[in-house]
PDB file of N, CA and C in Angstrom:
ATOM      1  N   MET A   1      60.635  18.177 -15.438  1.00  0.00           N
ATOM      2  CA  MET A   1      59.237  18.041 -15.012  1.00  0.00           C
ATOM      3  C   MET A   1      58.875  16.547 -14.882  1.00  0.00           C
ATOM      4  N   GLY A   2      58.095  16.209 -13.880  1.00  0.00           N
ATOM      5  CA  GLY A   2      57.706  14.792 -13.591  1.00  0.00           C
ATOM      6  C   GLY A   2      56.706  14.275 -14.605  1.00  0.00           C
ATOM      7  N   THR A   3      56.617  12.964 -14.612  1.00  0.00           N
ATOM      8  CA  THR A   3      55.656  12.286 -15.476  1.00  0.00           C
ATOM      9  C   THR A   3      54.310  12.177 -14.737  1.00  0.00           C
ATOM     10  N   ARG A   4      53.261  12.436 -15.413  1.00  0.00           N
ATOM     11  CA  ARG A   4      51.914  12.314 -14.817  1.00  0.00           C
ATOM     12  C   ARG A   4      51.199  11.132 -15.455  1.00  0.00           C
ATOM     13  N   THR A   5      50.699  10.251 -14.604  1.00  0.00           N
ATOM     14  CA  THR A   5      49.932   9.071 -15.070  1.00  0.00           C
ATOM     15  C   THR A   5      48.483   9.239 -14.637  1.00  0.00           C
ATOM     16  N   GLU A   6      47.586   9.087 -15.602  1.00  0.00           N
ATOM     17  CA  GLU A   6      46.175   9.192 -15.301  1.00  0.00           C
ATOM     18  C   GLU A   6      45.533   7.839 -15.550  1.00  0.00           C
ATOM     19  N   ILE A   7      44.830   7.378 -14.587  1.00  0.00           N
ATOM     20  CA  ILE A   7      44.116   6.056 -14.698  1.00  0.00           C
ATOM     21  C   ILE A   7      42.637   6.311 -14.610  1.00  0.00           C
ATOM     22  N   THR A   8      41.912   5.785 -15.584  1.00  0.00           N
ATOM     23  CA  THR A   8      40.443   5.848 -15.607  1.00  0.00           C
ATOM     24  C   THR A   8      39.862   4.472 -15.406  1.00  0.00           C
ATOM     25  N   ILE A   9      38.951   4.366 -14.468  1.00  0.00           N
ATOM     26  CA  ILE A   9      38.319   3.076 -14.196  1.00  0.00           C
ATOM     27  C   ILE A   9      36.831   3.203 -14.513  1.00  0.00           C
ATOM     28  N   GLU A  10      36.333   2.338 -15.381  1.00  0.00           N
ATOM     29  CA  GLU A  10      34.918   2.330 -15.718  1.00  0.00           C
ATOM     30  C   GLU A  10      34.324   1.103 -15.102  1.00  0.00           C
ATOM     31  N   THR A  11      33.172   1.268 -14.490  1.00  0.00           N
ATOM     32  CA  THR A  11      32.475   0.093 -13.900  1.00  0.00           C
ATOM     33  C   THR A  11      31.085   0.044 -14.503  1.00  0.00           C
ATOM     34  N   GLU A  12      30.554  -1.143 -14.485  1.00  0.00           N
ATOM     35  CA  GLU A  12      29.209  -1.368 -14.993  1.00  0.00           C
ATOM     36  C   GLU A  12      28.510  -2.358 -14.052  1.00  0.00           C
ATOM     37  N   ARG A  13      27.263  -2.104 -13.831  1.00  0.00           N
ATOM     38  CA  ARG A  13      26.520  -2.980 -12.901  1.00  0.00           C
ATOM     39  C   ARG A  13      25.309  -3.516 -13.615  1.00  0.00           C
ATOM     40  N   VAL A  14      25.117  -4.789 -13.581  1.00  0.00           N
ATOM     41  CA  VAL A  14      23.953  -5.431 -14.183  1.00  0.00           C
ATOM     42  C   VAL A  14      23.127  -6.006 -13.069  1.00  0.00           C
ATOM     43  N   VAL A  15      21.854  -5.671 -13.020  1.00  0.00           N
ATOM     44  CA  VAL A  15      20.924  -6.216 -12.031  1.00  0.00           C
ATOM     45  C   VAL A  15      19.872  -7.015 -12.695  1.00  0.00           C
ATOM     46  N   VAL A  16      19.722  -8.271 -12.308  1.00  0.00           N
ATOM     47  CA  VAL A  16      18.722  -9.141 -12.877  1.00  0.00           C
ATOM     48  C   VAL A  16      17.627  -9.300 -11.830  1.00  0.00           C
ATOM     49  N   ILE A  17      16.395  -8.966 -12.225  1.00  0.00           N
ATOM     50  CA  ILE A  17      15.263  -9.138 -11.345  1.00  0.00           C
ATOM     51  C   ILE A  17      14.539 -10.393 -11.802  1.00  0.00           C
ATOM     52  N   SER A  18      14.441 -11.345 -10.882  1.00  0.00           N
ATOM     53  CA  SER A  18      13.851 -12.635 -11.166  1.00  0.00           C
ATOM     54  C   SER A  18      12.403 -12.479 -11.621  1.00  0.00           C
ATOM     55  N   GLN A  19      12.084 -13.145 -12.709  1.00  0.00           N
ATOM     56  CA  GLN A  19      10.716 -13.124 -13.213  1.00  0.00           C
ATOM     57  C   GLN A  19       9.882 -14.255 -12.643  1.00  0.00           C
ATOM     58  N   SER A  20      10.486 -15.027 -11.699  1.00  0.00           N
ATOM     59  CA  SER A  20       9.791 -16.178 -11.153  1.00  0.00           C
ATOM     60  C   SER A  20       8.571 -15.762 -10.326  1.00  0.00           C
ATOM     61  N   ARG A  21       8.635 -14.573  -9.710  1.00  0.00           N
ATOM     62  CA  ARG A  21       7.461 -14.125  -8.998  1.00  0.00           C
ATOM     63  C   ARG A  21       6.564 -13.355  -9.941  1.00  0.00           C
ATOM     64  N   LYS A  22       5.320 -13.223  -9.575  1.00  0.00           N
ATOM     65  CA  LYS A  22       4.363 -12.509 -10.445  1.00  0.00           C
ATOM     66  C   LYS A  22       4.577 -11.011 -10.157  1.00  0.00           C
ATOM     67  N   LEU A  23       5.094 -10.308 -11.176  1.00  0.00           N
ATOM     68  CA  LEU A  23       5.304  -8.865 -11.006  1.00  0.00           C
ATOM     69  C   LEU A  23       3.966  -8.130 -11.153  1.00  0.00           C
ATOM     70  N   GLY A  24       3.714  -7.238 -10.234  1.00  0.00           N
ATOM     71  CA  GLY A  24       2.504  -6.429 -10.300  1.00  0.00           C
ATOM     72  C   GLY A  24       2.705  -5.256 -11.218  1.00  0.00           C
ATOM     73  N   LEU A  25       1.823  -5.168 -12.210  1.00  0.00           N
ATOM     74  CA  LEU A  25       1.841  -3.973 -13.054  1.00  0.00           C
ATOM     75  C   LEU A  25       0.980  -2.886 -12.397  1.00  0.00           C
ATOM     76  N   LEU A  26       1.629  -1.815 -12.065  1.00  0.00           N
ATOM     77  CA  LEU A  26       0.920  -0.664 -11.467  1.00  0.00           C
ATOM     78  C   LEU A  26       1.165   0.571 -12.302  1.00  0.00           C
ATOM     79  N   TRP A  27       0.225   1.504 -12.193  1.00  0.00           N
ATOM     80  CA  TRP A  27       0.358   2.749 -12.906  1.00  0.00           C
ATOM     81  C   TRP A  27       1.422   3.626 -12.233  1.00  0.00           C
ATOM     82  N   CYS A  28       2.376   4.079 -13.016  1.00  0.00           N
ATOM     83  CA  CYS A  28       3.397   5.003 -12.531  1.00  0.00           C
ATOM     84  C   CYS A  28       3.048   6.389 -13.092  1.00  0.00           C
ATOM     85  N   HIS A  29       2.702   7.304 -12.216  1.00  0.00           N
ATOM     86  CA  HIS A  29       2.304   8.633 -12.667  1.00  0.00           C
ATOM     87  C   HIS A  29       3.469   9.380 -13.296  1.00  0.00           C
ATOM     88  N   GLY A  30       4.687   9.141 -12.785  1.00  0.00           N
ATOM     89  CA  GLY A  30       5.855   9.778 -13.310  1.00  0.00           C
ATOM     90  C   GLY A  30       6.188   9.373 -14.733  1.00  0.00           C
ATOM     91  N   CYS A  31       6.010   8.064 -15.009  1.00  0.00           N
ATOM     92  CA  CYS A  31       6.287   7.546 -16.383  1.00  0.00           C
ATOM     93  C   CYS A  31       5.054   7.540 -17.278  1.00  0.00           C
ATOM     94  N   ALA A  32       3.873   7.777 -16.655  1.00  0.00           N
ATOM     95  CA  ALA A  32       2.598   7.706 -17.358  1.00  0.00           C
ATOM     96  C   ALA A  32       2.427   6.416 -18.114  1.00  0.00           C
ATOM     97  N   ALA A  33       2.723   5.303 -17.384  1.00  0.00           N
ATOM     98  CA  ALA A  33       2.583   3.951 -17.983  1.00  0.00           C
ATOM     99  C   ALA A  33       2.431   2.929 -16.878  1.00  0.00           C
ATOM    100  N   ARG A  34       1.910   1.757 -17.256  1.00  0.00           N
ATOM    101  CA  ARG A  34       1.845   0.660 -16.346  1.00  0.00           C
ATOM    102  C   ARG A  34       3.230   0.003 -16.316  1.00  0.00           C
ATOM    103  N   MET A  35       3.768  -0.207 -15.139  1.00  0.00           N
ATOM    104  CA  MET A  35       5.127  -0.679 -14.974  1.00  0.00           C
ATOM    105  C   MET A  35       5.155  -1.908 -14.027  1.00  0.00           C
ATOM    106  N   PRO A  36       6.100  -2.822 -14.233  1.00  0.00           N
ATOM    107  CA  PRO A  36       6.301  -3.879 -13.258  1.00  0.00           C
ATOM    108  C   PRO A  36       7.094  -3.259 -12.064  1.00  0.00           C
ATOM    109  N   MET A  37       6.467  -3.076 -10.988  1.00  0.00           N
ATOM    110  CA  MET A  37       7.029  -2.363  -9.849  1.00  0.00           C
ATOM    111  C   MET A  37       7.825  -3.271  -8.906  1.00  0.00           C
ATOM    112  N   LEU A  38       8.733  -2.662  -8.148  1.00  0.00           N
ATOM    113  CA  LEU A  38       9.533  -3.351  -7.156  1.00  0.00           C
ATOM    114  C   LEU A  38       9.026  -3.064  -5.781  1.00  0.00           C
ATOM    115  N   THR A  39       9.200  -3.997  -4.860  1.00  0.00           N
ATOM    116  CA  THR A  39       8.869  -3.765  -3.446  1.00  0.00           C
ATOM    117  C   THR A  39       9.976  -2.863  -2.889  1.00  0.00           C
ATOM    118  N   LEU A  40       9.742  -2.288  -1.729  1.00  0.00           N
ATOM    119  CA  LEU A  40      10.771  -1.469  -1.080  1.00  0.00           C
ATOM    120  C   LEU A  40      12.024  -2.288  -0.813  1.00  0.00           C
ATOM    121  N   ASP A  41      11.816  -3.537  -0.392  1.00  0.00           N
ATOM    122  CA  ASP A  41      12.959  -4.442  -0.087  1.00  0.00           C
ATOM    123  C   ASP A  41      13.786  -4.719  -1.349  1.00  0.00           C
ATOM    124  N   GLU A  42      13.114  -5.004  -2.467  1.00  0.00           N
ATOM    125  CA  GLU A  42      13.809  -5.249  -3.726  1.00  0.00           C
ATOM    126  C   GLU A  42      14.593  -4.036  -4.163  1.00  0.00           C
ATOM    127  N   ALA A  43      13.980  -2.858  -4.074  1.00  0.00           N
ATOM    128  CA  ALA A  43      14.665  -1.628  -4.487  1.00  0.00           C
ATOM    129  C   ALA A  43      15.880  -1.384  -3.583  1.00  0.00           C
ATOM    130  N   ALA A  44      15.729  -1.650  -2.297  1.00  0.00           N
ATOM    131  CA  ALA A  44      16.810  -1.425  -1.368  1.00  0.00           C
ATOM    132  C   ALA A  44      17.987  -2.400  -1.666  1.00  0.00           C
ATOM    133  N   ARG A  45      17.657  -3.639  -1.987  1.00  0.00           N
ATOM    134  CA  ARG A  45      18.687  -4.609  -2.347  1.00  0.00           C
ATOM    135  C   ARG A  45      19.453  -4.194  -3.574  1.00  0.00           C
ATOM    136  N   ILE A  46      18.735  -3.709  -4.590  1.00  0.00           N
ATOM    137  CA  ILE A  46      19.332  -3.273  -5.834  1.00  0.00           C
ATOM    138  C   ILE A  46      20.295  -2.115  -5.567  1.00  0.00           C
ATOM    139  N   GLU A  47      19.885  -1.197  -4.701  1.00  0.00           N
ATOM    140  CA  GLU A  47      20.701   0.001  -4.411  1.00  0.00           C
ATOM    141  C   GLU A  47      21.691  -0.210  -3.281  1.00  0.00           C
ATOM    142  N   SER A  48      21.728  -1.421  -2.700  1.00  0.00           N
ATOM    143  CA  SER A  48      22.629  -1.726  -1.549  1.00  0.00           C
ATOM    144  C   SER A  48      22.386  -0.738  -0.429  1.00  0.00           C
ATOM    145  N   THR A  49      21.138  -0.560  -0.070  1.00  0.00           N
ATOM    146  CA  THR A  49      20.786   0.331   1.021  1.00  0.00           C
ATOM    147  C   THR A  49      19.657  -0.296   1.812  1.00  0.00           C
ATOM    148  N   THR A  50      18.924   0.519   2.570  1.00  0.00           N
ATOM    149  CA  THR A  50      17.848  -0.021   3.359  1.00  0.00           C
ATOM    150  C   THR A  50      16.465   0.457   2.789  1.00  0.00           C
ATOM    151  N   PRO A  51      15.404  -0.234   3.147  1.00  0.00           N
ATOM    152  CA  PRO A  51      14.059   0.162   2.689  1.00  0.00           C
ATOM    153  C   PRO A  51      13.726   1.593   3.211  1.00  0.00           C
ATOM    154  N   GLN A  52      14.248   1.963   4.376  1.00  0.00           N
ATOM    155  CA  GLN A  52      13.975   3.259   4.916  1.00  0.00           C
ATOM    156  C   GLN A  52      14.577   4.356   4.023  1.00  0.00           C
ATOM    157  N   VAL A  53      15.761   4.149   3.487  1.00  0.00           N
ATOM    158  CA  VAL A  53      16.399   5.132   2.566  1.00  0.00           C
ATOM    159  C   VAL A  53      15.573   5.235   1.272  1.00  0.00           C
ATOM    160  N   ILE A  54      15.115   4.114   0.782  1.00  0.00           N
ATOM    161  CA  ILE A  54      14.275   4.144  -0.422  1.00  0.00           C
ATOM    162  C   ILE A  54      13.013   4.942  -0.184  1.00  0.00           C
ATOM    163  N   TYR A  55      12.382   4.686   0.984  1.00  0.00           N
ATOM    164  CA  TYR A  55      11.156   5.417   1.350  1.00  0.00           C
ATOM    165  C   TYR A  55      11.425   6.915   1.443  1.00  0.00           C
ATOM    166  N   GLN A  56      12.563   7.295   1.991  1.00  0.00           N
ATOM    167  CA  GLN A  56      12.917   8.740   2.091  1.00  0.00           C
ATOM    168  C   GLN A  56      13.098   9.311   0.698  1.00  0.00           C
ATOM    169  N   MET A  57      13.646   8.560  -0.216  1.00  0.00           N
ATOM    170  CA  MET A  57      13.792   9.027  -1.612  1.00  0.00           C
ATOM    171  C   MET A  57      12.408   9.227  -2.264  1.00  0.00           C
ATOM    172  N   VAL A  58      11.469   8.353  -1.942  1.00  0.00           N
ATOM    173  CA  VAL A  58      10.082   8.520  -2.420  1.00  0.00           C
ATOM    174  C   VAL A  58       9.495   9.787  -1.832  1.00  0.00           C
ATOM    175  N   GLU A  59       9.623  10.005  -0.545  1.00  0.00           N
ATOM    176  CA  GLU A  59       9.107  11.175   0.110  1.00  0.00           C
ATOM    177  C   GLU A  59       9.722  12.475  -0.450  1.00  0.00           C
ATOM    178  N   ALA A  60      10.990  12.383  -0.862  1.00  0.00           N
ATOM    179  CA  ALA A  60      11.687  13.584  -1.367  1.00  0.00           C
ATOM    180  C   ALA A  60      11.373  13.801  -2.866  1.00  0.00           C
ATOM    181  N   GLY A  61      10.578  12.907  -3.444  1.00  0.00           N
ATOM    182  CA  GLY A  61      10.180  13.066  -4.831  1.00  0.00           C
ATOM    183  C   GLY A  61      11.258  12.613  -5.802  1.00  0.00           C
ATOM    184  N   GLN A  62      12.236  11.859  -5.331  1.00  0.00           N
ATOM    185  CA  GLN A  62      13.333  11.359  -6.194  1.00  0.00           C
ATOM    186  C   GLN A  62      12.943  10.094  -6.976  1.00  0.00           C
ATOM    187  N   LEU A  63      11.960   9.365  -6.486  1.00  0.00           N
ATOM    188  CA  LEU A  63      11.564   8.117  -7.132  1.00  0.00           C
ATOM    189  C   LEU A  63      10.079   8.111  -7.379  1.00  0.00           C
ATOM    190  N   HIS A  64       9.686   7.473  -8.500  1.00  0.00           N
ATOM    191  CA  HIS A  64       8.289   7.292  -8.802  1.00  0.00           C
ATOM    192  C   HIS A  64       7.819   6.088  -8.000  1.00  0.00           C
ATOM    193  N   PHE A  65       6.539   6.025  -7.704  1.00  0.00           N
ATOM    194  CA  PHE A  65       5.988   4.915  -6.904  1.00  0.00           C
ATOM    195  C   PHE A  65       4.540   4.667  -7.262  1.00  0.00           C
ATOM    196  N   GLY A  66       4.054   3.526  -6.825  1.00  0.00           N
ATOM    197  CA  GLY A  66       2.667   3.161  -6.927  1.00  0.00           C
ATOM    198  C   GLY A  66       2.222   2.557  -5.617  1.00  0.00           C
ATOM    199  N   VAL A  67       0.955   2.545  -5.371  1.00  0.00           N
ATOM    200  CA  VAL A  67       0.443   1.962  -4.134  1.00  0.00           C
ATOM    201  C   VAL A  67      -0.583   0.919  -4.453  1.00  0.00           C
ATOM    202  N   ALA A  68      -0.475  -0.261  -3.831  1.00  0.00           N
ATOM    203  CA  ALA A  68      -1.442  -1.334  -4.017  1.00  0.00           C
ATOM    204  C   ALA A  68      -1.536  -2.115  -2.730  1.00  0.00           C
ATOM    205  N   ALA A  69      -2.738  -2.405  -2.318  1.00  0.00           N
ATOM    206  CA  ALA A  69      -3.002  -3.184  -1.104  1.00  0.00           C
ATOM    207  C   ALA A  69      -2.301  -2.555   0.103  1.00  0.00           C
ATOM    208  N   GLY A  70      -2.246  -1.225   0.137  1.00  0.00           N
ATOM    209  CA  GLY A  70      -1.638  -0.542   1.263  1.00  0.00           C
ATOM    210  C   GLY A  70      -0.137  -0.554   1.311  1.00  0.00           C
ATOM    211  N   ARG A  71       0.517  -1.034   0.244  1.00  0.00           N
ATOM    212  CA  ARG A  71       1.960  -1.123   0.165  1.00  0.00           C
ATOM    213  C   ARG A  71       2.494  -0.222  -0.941  1.00  0.00           C
ATOM    214  N   ILE A  72       3.728   0.265  -0.730  1.00  0.00           N
ATOM    215  CA  ILE A  72       4.368   1.159  -1.734  1.00  0.00           C
ATOM    216  C   ILE A  72       5.251   0.277  -2.604  1.00  0.00           C
ATOM    217  N   PHE A  73       5.165   0.539  -3.905  1.00  0.00           N
ATOM    218  CA  PHE A  73       5.994  -0.152  -4.876  1.00  0.00           C
ATOM    219  C   PHE A  73       6.785   0.924  -5.677  1.00  0.00           C
ATOM    220  N   ILE A  74       8.007   0.571  -5.981  1.00  0.00           N
ATOM    221  CA  ILE A  74       8.926   1.535  -6.627  1.00  0.00           C
ATOM    222  C   ILE A  74       9.032   1.253  -8.123  1.00  0.00           C
ATOM    223  N   CYS A  75       9.058   2.314  -8.890  1.00  0.00           N
ATOM    224  CA  CYS A  75       9.216   2.256 -10.350  1.00  0.00           C
ATOM    225  C   CYS A  75      10.707   1.988 -10.653  1.00  0.00           C
ATOM    226  N   PRO A  76      11.023   0.865 -11.315  1.00  0.00           N
ATOM    227  CA  PRO A  76      12.442   0.540 -11.585  1.00  0.00           C
ATOM    228  C   PRO A  76      13.077   1.544 -12.595  1.00  0.00           C
ATOM    229  N   THR A  77      12.298   2.166 -13.433  1.00  0.00           N
ATOM    230  CA  THR A  77      12.845   3.151 -14.353  1.00  0.00           C
ATOM    231  C   THR A  77      13.369   4.354 -13.594  1.00  0.00           C
ATOM    232  N   SER A  78      12.586   4.818 -12.627  1.00  0.00           N
ATOM    233  CA  SER A  78      13.025   6.000 -11.843  1.00  0.00           C
ATOM    234  C   SER A  78      14.226   5.645 -10.954  1.00  0.00           C
ATOM    235  N   LEU A  79      14.263   4.386 -10.487  1.00  0.00           N
ATOM    236  CA  LEU A  79      15.379   3.912  -9.661  1.00  0.00           C
ATOM    237  C   LEU A  79      16.689   3.981 -10.503  1.00  0.00           C
ATOM    238  N   ALA A  80      16.625   3.482 -11.735  1.00  0.00           N
ATOM    239  CA  ALA A  80      17.777   3.503 -12.630  1.00  0.00           C
ATOM    240  C   ALA A  80      18.153   4.935 -12.997  1.00  0.00           C
ATOM    241  N   SER A  81      17.173   5.782 -13.224  1.00  0.00           N
ATOM    242  CA  SER A  81      17.438   7.193 -13.554  1.00  0.00           C
ATOM    243  C   SER A  81      18.121   7.901 -12.390  1.00  0.00           C
ATOM    244  N   GLN A  82      17.687   7.636 -11.177  1.00  0.00           N
ATOM    245  CA  GLN A  82      18.258   8.248  -9.989  1.00  0.00           C
ATOM    246  C   GLN A  82      19.727   7.836  -9.882  1.00  0.00           C
ATOM    247  N   ARG A  83      20.005   6.571 -10.117  1.00  0.00           N
ATOM    248  CA  ARG A  83      21.410   6.082 -10.039  1.00  0.00           C
ATOM    249  C   ARG A  83      22.258   6.779 -11.086  1.00  0.00           C
ATOM    250  N   ALA A  84      21.712   6.888 -12.297  1.00  0.00           N
ATOM    251  CA  ALA A  84      22.490   7.574 -13.383  1.00  0.00           C
ATOM    252  C   ALA A  84      22.742   9.027 -13.026  1.00  0.00           C
ATOM    253  N   GLU A  85      21.775   9.705 -12.437  1.00  0.00           N
ATOM    254  CA  GLU A  85      21.911  11.096 -12.037  1.00  0.00           C
ATOM    255  C   GLU A  85      22.995  11.233 -10.951  1.00  0.00           C
ATOM    256  N   GLU A  86      23.005  10.311  -9.956  1.00  0.00           N
ATOM    257  CA  GLU A  86      24.018  10.353  -8.900  1.00  0.00           C
ATOM    258  C   GLU A  86      25.399  10.157  -9.496  1.00  0.00           C
ATOM    259  N   PHE A  87      25.533   9.256 -10.508  1.00  0.00           N
ATOM    260  CA  PHE A  87      26.781   9.003 -11.148  1.00  0.00           C
ATOM    261  C   PHE A  87      27.290  10.256 -11.867  1.00  0.00           C
ATOM    262  N   ARG A  88      26.358  10.956 -12.559  1.00  0.00           N
ATOM    263  CA  ARG A  88      26.755  12.184 -13.285  1.00  0.00           C
ATOM    264  C   ARG A  88      27.246  13.263 -12.334  1.00  0.00           C
ATOM    265  N   VAL A  89      26.577  13.384 -11.204  1.00  0.00           N
ATOM    266  CA  VAL A  89      26.940  14.406 -10.201  1.00  0.00           C
ATOM    267  C   VAL A  89      28.333  14.082  -9.604  1.00  0.00           C
ATOM    268  N   ALA A  90      28.570  12.777  -9.340  1.00  0.00           N
ATOM    269  CA  ALA A  90      29.848  12.345  -8.761  1.00  0.00           C
ATOM    270  C   ALA A  90      31.018  12.469  -9.705  1.00  0.00           C
ATOM    271  N   SER A  91      30.766  12.439 -10.984  1.00  0.00           N
ATOM    272  CA  SER A  91      31.856  12.475 -11.999  1.00  0.00           C
ATOM    273  C   SER A  91      32.468  13.820 -12.118  1.00  0.00           C
TER     274      SER A  91
END
């Protein structure tokens, strides 16, 4: 019988959000707390996707969001939770 070799690769991603800009604290209904929210562009950069994909995730109810001055802001906690859920499904 042949030898079987199994290789497991673990990866970790650290994202640092610059505190140099003034983060807007908005109410997140999903978290029931005031959160420092991300713009659509920031969330897209973190997820290596486009703002349109992030917006579609908001519309699908996959991400928490807040609205201020006519703009949508994304809850970073829900963004991290969504990534963790996708990782669990892929495993």
